[in-house]
Protein backbone atom coordinates (compact mmCIF):
# COMPACT_ATOMS: atom_id res chain seq x y z
CA UNK A 1 28.19 -5.44 -10.32
CA UNK A 2 27.08 -2.65 -6.99
CA UNK A 3 25.79 0.75 -7.65
CA UNK A 4 23.96 3.50 -5.54
CA UNK A 5 20.04 2.56 -5.47
CA UNK A 6 18.13 5.17 -7.41
CA UNK A 7 14.14 5.38 -6.89
CA UNK A 8 13.76 3.17 -9.44
CA UNK A 9 14.57 0.38 -7.17
CA UNK A 10 12.02 1.26 -4.39
CA UNK A 11 10.03 -2.23 -5.43
CA UNK A 12 13.15 -4.19 -5.24
CA UNK A 13 14.13 -2.63 -1.73
CA UNK A 14 10.85 -3.21 0.18
CA UNK A 15 10.42 -6.50 -1.60
CA UNK A 16 13.64 -8.16 -0.69
CA UNK A 17 12.87 -6.43 2.81
CA UNK A 18 10.02 -8.65 3.15
CA UNK A 19 12.28 -11.50 2.53
CA UNK A 20 14.90 -10.77 4.75
CA UNK A 21 12.50 -10.34 7.53
CA UNK A 22 10.36 -13.84 6.64
CA UNK A 23 13.80 -14.81 6.52
CA UNK A 24 14.81 -13.40 10.46
CA UNK A 25 11.15 -14.62 11.57
CA UNK A 26 9.72 -11.38 11.91
CA UNK A 27 7.83 -10.60 8.78
CA UNK A 28 5.05 -8.89 10.29
CA UNK A 29 7.17 -6.47 11.37
CA UNK A 30 8.61 -5.68 8.23
CA UNK A 31 5.52 -2.61 7.43
CA UNK A 32 7.48 -0.09 5.28
CA UNK A 33 5.61 1.57 2.97
CA UNK A 34 7.33 2.50 -0.83
CA UNK A 35 6.29 6.42 0.21
CA UNK A 36 8.43 6.10 3.41
CA UNK A 37 11.49 4.43 1.94
CA UNK A 38 11.04 6.94 -1.06
CA UNK A 39 11.42 9.56 1.75
CA UNK A 40 13.79 8.08 3.93
CA UNK A 41 16.55 7.31 0.67
CA UNK A 42 15.79 9.82 -1.63
CA UNK A 43 13.83 12.93 0.48
CA UNK A 44 15.20 16.72 1.90
CA UNK A 45 17.21 14.89 4.42
CA UNK A 46 17.53 11.49 3.63
CA UNK A 47 17.57 8.85 6.69
CA UNK A 48 19.56 6.65 5.69
CA UNK A 49 21.66 5.15 1.94
CA UNK A 50 21.21 1.74 -0.54
CA UNK A 51 23.71 0.01 -2.55
CA UNK A 52 22.27 -2.30 -4.74
CA UNK A 53 23.69 -5.84 -5.88
CA UNK A 54 23.24 -6.84 -9.88
CA UNK A 55 24.08 -10.17 -11.37
CA UNK A 56 26.65 -9.59 -13.60
CA UNK A 57 25.08 -11.46 -16.43
CA UNK A 58 21.34 -10.73 -16.10
CA UNK A 59 21.46 -7.66 -14.52
CA UNK A 60 18.71 -8.70 -11.94
CA UNK A 61 18.74 -7.03 -8.23
CA UNK A 62 19.98 -9.89 -6.52
CA UNK A 63 21.08 -8.09 -3.28
CA UNK A 64 21.23 -4.49 -1.16
CA UNK A 65 22.61 -3.05 1.61
CA UNK A 66 20.56 -0.16 3.68
CA UNK A 67 23.19 1.85 5.71
CA UNK A 68 23.13 5.26 7.80
CA UNK A 69 25.96 7.51 9.54
CA UNK A 70 26.63 7.55 13.54
CA UNK A 71 28.73 9.51 15.33
CA UNK A 72 30.58 8.02 18.23
CA UNK A 73 31.75 10.55 21.49
CA UNK A 74 34.56 7.95 22.32
CA UNK A 75 36.27 8.43 18.90
CA UNK A 76 34.53 11.95 17.65
CA UNK A 77 33.91 10.96 14.45
CA UNK A 78 31.03 9.47 12.18
CA UNK A 79 31.12 6.11 11.38
CA UNK A 80 28.51 3.59 9.46
CA UNK A 81 25.45 1.79 10.95
CA UNK A 82 24.84 -1.16 8.37
CA UNK A 83 21.02 -1.60 9.05
CA UNK A 84 20.03 -4.41 6.21
CA UNK A 85 22.38 -6.31 4.56
CA UNK A 86 20.66 -8.91 2.21
CA UNK A 87 20.97 -11.33 -0.71
CA UNK A 88 18.62 -13.38 -2.57
CA UNK A 89 19.28 -17.35 -1.76
CA UNK A 90 19.47 -17.89 -5.44
CA UNK A 91 22.39 -15.44 -5.51
CA UNK A 92 24.16 -16.09 -2.54
CA UNK A 93 27.77 -17.74 -2.85
CA UNK A 94 28.39 -15.62 -5.93
CA UNK A 95 30.30 -12.83 -3.71
CA UNK A 96 27.53 -10.25 -3.95
CA UNK A 97 27.65 -9.97 0.21
CA UNK A 98 30.97 -9.45 0.19
CA UNK A 99 30.82 -6.95 -3.03
CA UNK A 100 28.61 -4.89 -0.99
CA UNK A 101 30.36 -4.82 2.33
CA UNK A 102 33.62 -4.40 0.63
CA UNK A 103 31.89 -1.01 -0.99
CA UNK A 104 30.24 0.39 2.05
CA UNK A 105 34.13 -0.40 3.99
CA UNK A 106 35.65 1.66 1.02
CA UNK A 107 33.11 4.09 1.95
CA UNK A 108 33.86 4.69 5.70
CA UNK A 109 37.72 5.10 4.42
CA UNK A 110 37.44 7.67 1.89
CA UNK A 111 34.86 9.58 4.32
CA UNK A 112 37.31 9.45 7.29
CA UNK A 113 34.51 6.90 9.38
CA UNK A 114 36.72 4.89 11.80
CA UNK A 115 33.48 2.24 12.57
CA UNK A 116 31.73 0.06 10.37
CA UNK A 117 29.25 -1.94 12.90
CA UNK A 118 25.93 -4.08 12.50
CA UNK A 119 23.66 -6.15 14.40
CA UNK A 120 23.44 -10.01 13.68
CA UNK A 121 21.36 -12.41 15.39
CA UNK A 122 23.12 -14.86 17.26
CA UNK A 123 20.99 -18.47 15.27
CA UNK A 124 22.45 -16.92 12.17
CA UNK A 125 25.44 -18.67 12.34
CA UNK A 126 25.83 -18.66 8.08
CA UNK A 127 26.47 -15.15 8.60
CA UNK A 128 27.75 -14.79 11.93
CA UNK A 129 30.62 -17.54 10.15
CA UNK A 130 30.48 -15.16 7.21
CA UNK A 131 31.19 -11.91 9.11
CA UNK A 132 34.01 -14.11 11.14
CA UNK A 133 35.82 -14.79 7.84
CA UNK A 134 35.77 -11.18 7.21
CA UNK A 135 37.63 -10.00 10.58
CA UNK A 136 34.64 -8.74 12.05
CA UNK A 137 34.63 -8.60 16.11
CA UNK A 138 31.53 -9.86 17.50
CA UNK A 139 31.23 -7.54 20.33
CA UNK A 140 29.30 -10.16 23.19
CA UNK A 141 29.53 -7.90 25.63
CA UNK A 142 26.97 -5.21 24.72
CA UNK A 143 23.16 -5.79 24.28
CA UNK A 144 20.95 -4.15 22.43
CA UNK A 145 18.01 -2.47 24.17
CA UNK A 146 15.47 -1.19 22.27
CA UNK A 147 12.17 0.79 23.58
CA UNK A 148 8.73 0.32 21.21
CA UNK A 149 5.05 0.72 21.16
CA UNK A 150 3.34 1.08 24.99
CA UNK A 151 6.96 1.12 26.74
CA UNK A 152 8.01 3.91 24.47
CA UNK A 153 4.55 5.93 25.10
CA UNK A 154 4.58 5.66 28.76
CA UNK A 155 8.63 6.81 28.77
CA UNK A 156 7.56 9.54 26.35
CA UNK A 157 5.01 11.02 28.89
CA UNK A 158 6.93 11.37 31.64
CA UNK A 159 9.48 13.75 30.01
CA UNK A 160 9.70 17.08 31.52
CA UNK A 161 10.90 18.68 28.71
CA UNK A 162 8.43 22.28 28.17
CA UNK A 163 8.43 24.00 24.76
CA UNK A 164 9.57 22.98 22.04
CA UNK A 165 10.32 19.53 21.29
CA UNK A 166 14.04 18.68 21.27
CA UNK A 167 15.34 18.48 18.26
CA UNK A 168 13.23 21.18 16.98
CA UNK A 169 13.28 25.23 16.71
CA UNK A 170 10.23 27.21 16.02
CA UNK A 171 10.29 30.00 13.78
CA UNK A 172 12.42 33.30 14.75
CA UNK A 173 14.05 31.02 17.50
CA UNK A 174 15.44 28.69 14.63
CA UNK A 175 17.64 32.22 13.63
CA UNK A 176 18.82 33.02 16.94
CA UNK A 177 20.40 29.31 17.84
């Protein structure tokens, strides 16, 4: 069964995030707390959304998908970025991953999202084969760029934007825009 995540799923989601990070050889980078996940998924302004896969027989949580909307300037429409897709090893091969992706694809179609995109590590042959079997295109010509830590801070210090930080408004200014 696939269903929307609830606040009661936070501990399971966090545990699976850590399991996924360990599989992707980056366990030390999975630092999200329960409170951060609760705010991101269920706060006043959710940053992301999640679906839960449950075993039909036991009702145990066996996987999750975490996604957020994105926007394409080329199509002028929203799309979906799948941040995480994870099915616990004991449940793999049971159709849970395909069911999660099908539910997300249906959501894209209902919402008019023209793109459904995600990243996969180039060494993850089982996932690559699975995605190709669904008809996904692997876009070899695009390279992911990322700034974190010191390089991010150093670049931010070069900003010449004055006054209100970009994307924020202050007091009366918020009403006049």
